[in-house]
Amino acid sequence: MSSTRKLRPKPKGNYHHGDLRQALVSAALKALERERIEQLSLRALARSLGVSPRAPYRHFATKEQLLAAVAAEGFRMSAEFTAARLEAAHDPMDRLRVAVEAYVLFATQHPAAFRVMYAPYAAVEESASELVQVRTEGHAEMMRLIGTAQASGDVRPGDPMQIGLAIWSTMHGLAVLLIEGQLGRFDRPIEASRLAQRVADLLFQGLARGSRQ
């Protein structure tokens, strides 16, 4: 005769292997939804997770190291966010446009992650290998999208790095204005989407083959 065993809940703070590291990253992202980067505390995060004050230091020697891991997580989230939208886009110019607009929409939907991704260099350990890798991958993907749009004749020829800088600086500026509430009625996701589309339209008119150079 079989008996049903009741599973006991895992005690709070019973982390093993790499669980605590990821838990700290997730807890930091949640905390940054309500507080500034300079207010973030490893000890406070430890308390919220029910572990000893010294436990986080087994994974992150400094807050800057933790923030580098948080930034890397943000870049991964952004890549997944964009990839999901690229599935429905097949034309090279459409794919570039979707990626550009997704950059702004990700910022408005995940402002805490976005702020850490582009935090002042002193706040984050910029040399962290994990962060360097995901940033490099994101940059390579954008260069690939630009190169494909140039090869199809949709985007003017020229240095793709310079074109990428024009795209990034324009859309990054818009994203920051939106998440900092500087654009009034455009502070809701649906309005942000429309505004991103309008700005992208103007941007790509200037980048189109045959436009004045």
C-alpha atoms as a PDB file:
ATOM      1  CA  MET A   1       0.000   0.000   0.000  1.00  0.00           C
ATOM      2  CA  SER A   2       1.513   3.293  -1.069  1.00  0.00           C
ATOM      3  CA  SER A   3       1.594   6.358   1.102  1.00  0.00           C
ATOM      4  CA  THR A   4       1.708   9.987   0.073  1.00  0.00           C
ATOM      5  CA  ARG A   5       4.697  11.870   1.350  1.00  0.00           C
ATOM      6  CA  LYS A   6       4.232  15.515   2.195  1.00  0.00           C
ATOM      7  CA  LEU A   7       6.913  17.735   0.836  1.00  0.00           C
ATOM      8  CA  ARG A   8       8.230  20.157   3.405  1.00  0.00           C
ATOM      9  CA  PRO A   9       8.836  23.697   2.165  1.00  0.00           C
ATOM     10  CA  LYS A  10      12.451  24.626   1.638  1.00  0.00           C
ATOM     11  CA  PRO A  11      13.646  26.780   4.544  1.00  0.00           C
ATOM     12  CA  LYS A  12      14.191  30.424   3.707  1.00  0.00           C
ATOM     13  CA  GLY A  13      17.830  31.067   2.926  1.00  0.00           C
ATOM     14  CA  ASN A  14      18.627  27.427   2.070  1.00  0.00           C
ATOM     15  CA  TYR A  15      20.621  28.242  -1.042  1.00  0.00           C
ATOM     16  CA  HIS A  16      23.092  25.862  -2.617  1.00  0.00           C
ATOM     17  CA  HIS A  17      25.540  25.886  -5.488  1.00  0.00           C
ATOM     18  CA  GLY A  18      24.849  29.028  -7.565  1.00  0.00           C
ATOM     19  CA  ASP A  19      21.356  29.729  -6.234  1.00  0.00           C
ATOM     20  CA  LEU A  20      22.354  32.513  -3.870  1.00  0.00           C
ATOM     21  CA  ARG A  21      24.228  34.382  -6.585  1.00  0.00           C
ATOM     22  CA  GLN A  22      21.177  34.467  -8.849  1.00  0.00           C
ATOM     23  CA  ALA A  23      18.908  35.243  -5.904  1.00  0.00           C
ATOM     24  CA  LEU A  24      21.049  38.271  -5.084  1.00  0.00           C
ATOM     25  CA  VAL A  25      20.875  39.507  -8.678  1.00  0.00           C
ATOM     26  CA  SER A  26      17.087  39.108  -8.737  1.00  0.00           C
ATOM     27  CA  ALA A  27      16.702  40.742  -5.320  1.00  0.00           C
ATOM     28  CA  ALA A  28      18.899  43.653  -6.392  1.00  0.00           C
ATOM     29  CA  LEU A  29      16.800  44.228  -9.512  1.00  0.00           C
ATOM     30  CA  LYS A  30      13.648  44.245  -7.391  1.00  0.00           C
ATOM     31  CA  ALA A  31      15.184  46.608  -4.832  1.00  0.00           C
ATOM     32  CA  LEU A  32      16.283  48.992  -7.592  1.00  0.00           C
ATOM     33  CA  GLU A  33      12.665  49.422  -8.630  1.00  0.00           C
ATOM     34  CA  ARG A  34      12.202  51.503  -5.475  1.00  0.00           C
ATOM     35  CA  GLU A  35      15.667  52.819  -4.580  1.00  0.00           C
ATOM     36  CA  ARG A  36      18.690  54.385  -6.259  1.00  0.00           C
ATOM     37  CA  ILE A  37      21.884  52.519  -7.085  1.00  0.00           C
ATOM     38  CA  GLU A  38      23.818  54.292  -4.337  1.00  0.00           C
ATOM     39  CA  GLN A  39      21.264  53.099  -1.761  1.00  0.00           C
ATOM     40  CA  LEU A  40      21.644  49.432  -2.636  1.00  0.00           C
ATOM     41  CA  SER A  41      23.245  47.400   0.159  1.00  0.00           C
ATOM     42  CA  LEU A  42      24.608  43.862   0.108  1.00  0.00           C
ATOM     43  CA  ARG A  43      23.754  43.477   3.778  1.00  0.00           C
ATOM     44  CA  ALA A  44      20.175  44.629   3.209  1.00  0.00           C
ATOM     45  CA  LEU A  45      19.835  42.142   0.362  1.00  0.00           C
ATOM     46  CA  ALA A  46      21.171  39.410   2.645  1.00  0.00           C
ATOM     47  CA  ARG A  47      18.505  40.256   5.243  1.00  0.00           C
ATOM     48  CA  SER A  48      15.772  40.167   2.613  1.00  0.00           C
ATOM     49  CA  LEU A  49      16.917  36.691   1.535  1.00  0.00           C
ATOM     50  CA  GLY A  50      17.286  35.383   5.082  1.00  0.00           C
ATOM     51  CA  VAL A  51      21.016  34.670   4.877  1.00  0.00           C
ATOM     52  CA  SER A  52      23.925  35.868   6.959  1.00  0.00           C
ATOM     53  CA  PRO A  53      25.332  39.360   6.296  1.00  0.00           C
ATOM     54  CA  ARG A  54      28.568  37.810   5.028  1.00  0.00           C
ATOM     55  CA  ALA A  55      26.952  35.297   2.655  1.00  0.00           C
ATOM     56  CA  PRO A  56      26.721  37.645  -0.377  1.00  0.00           C
ATOM     57  CA  TYR A  57      30.465  38.258  -0.229  1.00  0.00           C
ATOM     58  CA  ARG A  58      31.100  34.648  -1.235  1.00  0.00           C
ATOM     59  CA  HIS A  59      29.807  35.650  -4.660  1.00  0.00           C
ATOM     60  CA  PHE A  60      30.450  39.400  -4.854  1.00  0.00           C
ATOM     61  CA  ALA A  61      33.393  41.033  -3.129  1.00  0.00           C
ATOM     62  CA  THR A  62      31.947  44.504  -3.725  1.00  0.00           C
ATOM     63  CA  LYS A  63      28.650  46.141  -4.597  1.00  0.00           C
ATOM     64  CA  GLU A  64      30.189  47.098  -7.940  1.00  0.00           C
ATOM     65  CA  GLN A  65      30.646  43.406  -8.756  1.00  0.00           C
ATOM     66  CA  LEU A  66      27.004  42.708  -7.903  1.00  0.00           C
ATOM     67  CA  LEU A  67      25.869  45.606 -10.083  1.00  0.00           C
ATOM     68  CA  ALA A  68      27.954  44.258 -12.968  1.00  0.00           C
ATOM     69  CA  ALA A  69      26.050  40.976 -12.651  1.00  0.00           C
ATOM     70  CA  VAL A  70      22.761  42.899 -12.509  1.00  0.00           C
ATOM     71  CA  ALA A  71      23.741  44.850 -15.644  1.00  0.00           C
ATOM     72  CA  ALA A  72      24.643  41.609 -17.426  1.00  0.00           C
ATOM     73  CA  GLU A  73      21.257  40.179 -16.478  1.00  0.00           C
ATOM     74  CA  GLY A  74      19.639  43.310 -17.908  1.00  0.00           C
ATOM     75  CA  PHE A  75      21.446  42.877 -21.223  1.00  0.00           C
ATOM     76  CA  ARG A  76      20.293  39.246 -21.389  1.00  0.00           C
ATOM     77  CA  MET A  77      16.718  40.325 -20.643  1.00  0.00           C
ATOM     78  CA  SER A  78      16.954  42.976 -23.343  1.00  0.00           C
ATOM     79  CA  ALA A  79      18.283  40.465 -25.882  1.00  0.00           C
ATOM     80  CA  GLU A  80      15.413  38.070 -25.166  1.00  0.00           C
ATOM     81  CA  PHE A  81      12.896  40.934 -25.304  1.00  0.00           C
ATOM     82  CA  THR A  82      14.197  41.979 -28.728  1.00  0.00           C
ATOM     83  CA  ALA A  83      14.539  38.438 -30.101  1.00  0.00           C
ATOM     84  CA  ALA A  84      10.888  37.713 -29.318  1.00  0.00           C
ATOM     85  CA  ARG A  85       9.859  40.719 -31.429  1.00  0.00           C
ATOM     86  CA  LEU A  86      12.252  39.897 -34.257  1.00  0.00           C
ATOM     87  CA  GLU A  87      10.511  36.558 -34.850  1.00  0.00           C
ATOM     88  CA  ALA A  88       7.705  38.328 -36.717  1.00  0.00           C
ATOM     89  CA  ALA A  89      10.055  40.522 -38.810  1.00  0.00           C
ATOM     90  CA  HIS A  90      11.763  39.140 -41.914  1.00  0.00           C
ATOM     91  CA  ASP A  91      12.669  42.084 -44.143  1.00  0.00           C
ATOM     92  CA  PRO A  92      16.146  43.454 -43.241  1.00  0.00           C
ATOM     93  CA  MET A  93      14.875  46.993 -42.690  1.00  0.00           C
ATOM     94  CA  ASP A  94      11.906  45.770 -40.645  1.00  0.00           C
ATOM     95  CA  ARG A  95      14.230  43.740 -38.434  1.00  0.00           C
ATOM     96  CA  LEU A  96      16.481  46.733 -37.832  1.00  0.00           C
ATOM     97  CA  ARG A  97      13.472  48.919 -37.071  1.00  0.00           C
ATOM     98  CA  VAL A  98      11.993  46.353 -34.658  1.00  0.00           C
ATOM     99  CA  ALA A  99      15.314  46.098 -32.799  1.00  0.00           C
ATOM    100  CA  VAL A 100      15.624  49.869 -32.549  1.00  0.00           C
ATOM    101  CA  GLU A 101      12.074  50.336 -31.255  1.00  0.00           C
ATOM    102  CA  ALA A 102      12.469  47.390 -28.853  1.00  0.00           C
ATOM    103  CA  TYR A 103      15.407  49.188 -27.229  1.00  0.00           C
ATOM    104  CA  VAL A 104      13.095  52.014 -26.153  1.00  0.00           C
ATOM    105  CA  LEU A 105      10.226  49.741 -25.141  1.00  0.00           C
ATOM    106  CA  PHE A 106      12.498  47.575 -22.995  1.00  0.00           C
ATOM    107  CA  ALA A 107      13.664  50.677 -21.155  1.00  0.00           C
ATOM    108  CA  THR A 108      10.099  51.790 -20.414  1.00  0.00           C
ATOM    109  CA  GLN A 109       9.040  48.339 -19.234  1.00  0.00           C
ATOM    110  CA  HIS A 110      12.211  47.525 -17.261  1.00  0.00           C
ATOM    111  CA  PRO A 111      13.597  50.891 -16.118  1.00  0.00           C
ATOM    112  CA  ALA A 112      15.486  49.489 -13.112  1.00  0.00           C
ATOM    113  CA  ALA A 113      17.444  47.066 -15.283  1.00  0.00           C
ATOM    114  CA  PHE A 114      18.013  49.722 -17.953  1.00  0.00           C
ATOM    115  CA  ARG A 115      19.455  52.218 -15.462  1.00  0.00           C
ATOM    116  CA  VAL A 116      21.994  49.672 -14.211  1.00  0.00           C
ATOM    117  CA  MET A 117      22.907  48.604 -17.749  1.00  0.00           C
ATOM    118  CA  TYR A 118      23.931  52.191 -18.470  1.00  0.00           C
ATOM    119  CA  ALA A 119      24.957  53.315 -14.989  1.00  0.00           C
ATOM    120  CA  PRO A 120      27.996  55.604 -14.580  1.00  0.00           C
ATOM    121  CA  TYR A 121      31.179  53.587 -14.950  1.00  0.00           C
ATOM    122  CA  ALA A 122      32.240  54.178 -11.349  1.00  0.00           C
ATOM    123  CA  ALA A 123      29.092  52.453 -10.085  1.00  0.00           C
ATOM    124  CA  VAL A 124      29.674  49.151 -11.900  1.00  0.00           C
ATOM    125  CA  GLU A 125      32.707  46.905 -12.330  1.00  0.00           C
ATOM    126  CA  GLU A 126      32.937  47.431 -16.076  1.00  0.00           C
ATOM    127  CA  SER A 127      35.716  44.883 -16.560  1.00  0.00           C
ATOM    128  CA  ALA A 128      33.615  41.972 -15.266  1.00  0.00           C
ATOM    129  CA  SER A 129      33.917  39.244 -17.930  1.00  0.00           C
ATOM    130  CA  GLU A 130      30.211  38.403 -17.826  1.00  0.00           C
ATOM    131  CA  LEU A 131      29.250  42.016 -18.517  1.00  0.00           C
ATOM    132  CA  VAL A 132      31.880  42.474 -21.237  1.00  0.00           C
ATOM    133  CA  GLN A 133      30.624  39.348 -23.008  1.00  0.00           C
ATOM    134  CA  VAL A 134      26.921  40.242 -23.116  1.00  0.00           C
ATOM    135  CA  ARG A 135      27.681  43.812 -24.181  1.00  0.00           C
ATOM    136  CA  THR A 136      29.927  42.525 -26.969  1.00  0.00           C
ATOM    137  CA  GLU A 137      27.217  40.112 -28.126  1.00  0.00           C
ATOM    138  CA  GLY A 138      24.592  42.883 -28.165  1.00  0.00           C
ATOM    139  CA  HIS A 139      26.873  45.193 -30.133  1.00  0.00           C
ATOM    140  CA  ALA A 140      27.678  42.450 -32.650  1.00  0.00           C
ATOM    141  CA  GLU A 141      23.984  41.739 -33.197  1.00  0.00           C
ATOM    142  CA  MET A 142      23.226  45.397 -33.906  1.00  0.00           C
ATOM    143  CA  MET A 143      26.168  45.618 -36.327  1.00  0.00           C
ATOM    144  CA  ARG A 144      24.854  42.515 -38.075  1.00  0.00           C
ATOM    145  CA  LEU A 145      21.369  44.021 -38.442  1.00  0.00           C
ATOM    146  CA  ILE A 146      22.825  47.265 -39.821  1.00  0.00           C
ATOM    147  CA  GLY A 147      25.116  45.396 -42.221  1.00  0.00           C
ATOM    148  CA  THR A 148      22.234  43.293 -43.533  1.00  0.00           C
ATOM    149  CA  ALA A 149      20.097  46.412 -44.080  1.00  0.00           C
ATOM    150  CA  GLN A 150      23.000  48.036 -45.947  1.00  0.00           C
ATOM    151  CA  ALA A 151      23.482  44.931 -48.099  1.00  0.00           C
ATOM    152  CA  SER A 152      19.782  44.947 -49.028  1.00  0.00           C
ATOM    153  CA  GLY A 153      20.054  48.571 -50.118  1.00  0.00           C
ATOM    154  CA  ASP A 154      17.683  49.874 -47.428  1.00  0.00           C
ATOM    155  CA  VAL A 155      20.356  51.769 -45.498  1.00  0.00           C
ATOM    156  CA  ARG A 156      22.972  54.019 -47.064  1.00  0.00           C
ATOM    157  CA  PRO A 157      26.510  52.674 -47.445  1.00  0.00           C
ATOM    158  CA  GLY A 158      29.159  53.819 -45.024  1.00  0.00           C
ATOM    159  CA  ASP A 159      30.805  52.901 -41.772  1.00  0.00           C
ATOM    160  CA  PRO A 160      28.273  50.744 -39.853  1.00  0.00           C
ATOM    161  CA  MET A 161      29.861  51.854 -36.590  1.00  0.00           C
ATOM    162  CA  GLN A 162      28.977  55.478 -37.335  1.00  0.00           C
ATOM    163  CA  ILE A 163      25.448  54.510 -38.336  1.00  0.00           C
ATOM    164  CA  GLY A 164      25.143  52.446 -35.173  1.00  0.00           C
ATOM    165  CA  LEU A 165      26.267  55.414 -33.088  1.00  0.00           C
ATOM    166  CA  ALA A 166      23.618  57.629 -34.698  1.00  0.00           C
ATOM    167  CA  ILE A 167      20.919  55.027 -34.005  1.00  0.00           C
ATOM    168  CA  TRP A 168      22.012  54.309 -30.448  1.00  0.00           C
ATOM    169  CA  SER A 169      22.466  57.911 -29.354  1.00  0.00           C
ATOM    170  CA  THR A 170      19.049  58.872 -30.738  1.00  0.00           C
ATOM    171  CA  MET A 171      17.093  55.971 -29.251  1.00  0.00           C
ATOM    172  CA  HIS A 172      19.034  55.965 -25.973  1.00  0.00           C
ATOM    173  CA  GLY A 173      18.270  59.640 -25.513  1.00  0.00           C
ATOM    174  CA  LEU A 174      14.578  58.968 -26.125  1.00  0.00           C
ATOM    175  CA  ALA A 175      14.592  56.030 -23.700  1.00  0.00           C
ATOM    176  CA  VAL A 176      16.165  58.119 -20.926  1.00  0.00           C
ATOM    177  CA  LEU A 177      13.714  60.981 -21.467  1.00  0.00           C
ATOM    178  CA  LEU A 178      10.828  58.532 -21.199  1.00  0.00           C
ATOM    179  CA  ILE A 179      11.888  56.649 -18.078  1.00  0.00           C
ATOM    180  CA  GLU A 180      12.810  59.861 -16.288  1.00  0.00           C
ATOM    181  CA  GLY A 181       9.348  61.271 -16.995  1.00  0.00           C
ATOM    182  CA  GLN A 182      10.557  64.181 -19.091  1.00  0.00           C
ATOM    183  CA  LEU A 183       8.041  63.794 -21.909  1.00  0.00           C
ATOM    184  CA  GLY A 184       4.735  64.286 -20.131  1.00  0.00           C
ATOM    185  CA  ARG A 185       1.939  62.352 -21.770  1.00  0.00           C
ATOM    186  CA  PHE A 186       4.351  59.954 -23.475  1.00  0.00           C
ATOM    187  CA  ASP A 187       5.131  58.202 -20.187  1.00  0.00           C
ATOM    188  CA  ARG A 188       2.853  55.194 -20.768  1.00  0.00           C
ATOM    189  CA  PRO A 189       4.042  52.098 -22.682  1.00  0.00           C
ATOM    190  CA  ILE A 190       1.481  52.471 -25.497  1.00  0.00           C
ATOM    191  CA  GLU A 191       2.431  56.105 -26.023  1.00  0.00           C
ATOM    192  CA  ALA A 192       6.102  55.225 -25.743  1.00  0.00           C
ATOM    193  CA  SER A 193       5.611  52.707 -28.528  1.00  0.00           C
ATOM    194  CA  ARG A 194       4.049  55.299 -30.812  1.00  0.00           C
ATOM    195  CA  LEU A 195       6.735  57.827 -30.051  1.00  0.00           C
ATOM    196  CA  ALA A 196       9.499  55.275 -30.662  1.00  0.00           C
ATOM    197  CA  GLN A 197       7.952  54.523 -34.044  1.00  0.00           C
ATOM    198  CA  ARG A 198       7.800  58.211 -34.978  1.00  0.00           C
ATOM    199  CA  VAL A 199      11.398  58.857 -33.968  1.00  0.00           C
ATOM    200  CA  ALA A 200      12.543  55.707 -35.792  1.00  0.00           C
ATOM    201  CA  ASP A 201      10.706  56.881 -38.920  1.00  0.00           C
ATOM    202  CA  LEU A 202      12.578  60.182 -38.904  1.00  0.00           C
ATOM    203  CA  LEU A 203      15.876  58.475 -38.124  1.00  0.00           C
ATOM    204  CA  PHE A 204      15.601  55.947 -40.938  1.00  0.00           C
ATOM    205  CA  GLN A 205      14.511  58.580 -43.443  1.00  0.00           C
ATOM    206  CA  GLY A 206      17.905  60.152 -42.876  1.00  0.00           C
ATOM    207  CA  LEU A 207      19.705  56.804 -43.076  1.00  0.00           C
ATOM    208  CA  ALA A 208      17.957  55.600 -46.226  1.00  0.00           C
ATOM    209  CA  ARG A 209      19.968  55.106 -49.392  1.00  0.00           C
ATOM    210  CA  GLY A 210      19.632  58.181 -51.563  1.00  0.00           C
ATOM    211  CA  SER A 211      19.059  60.629 -48.720  1.00  0.00           C
ATOM    212  CA  ARG A 212      21.379  63.652 -48.619  1.00  0.00           C
ATOM    213  CA  GLN A 213      24.748  62.781 -47.119  1.00  0.00           C
END
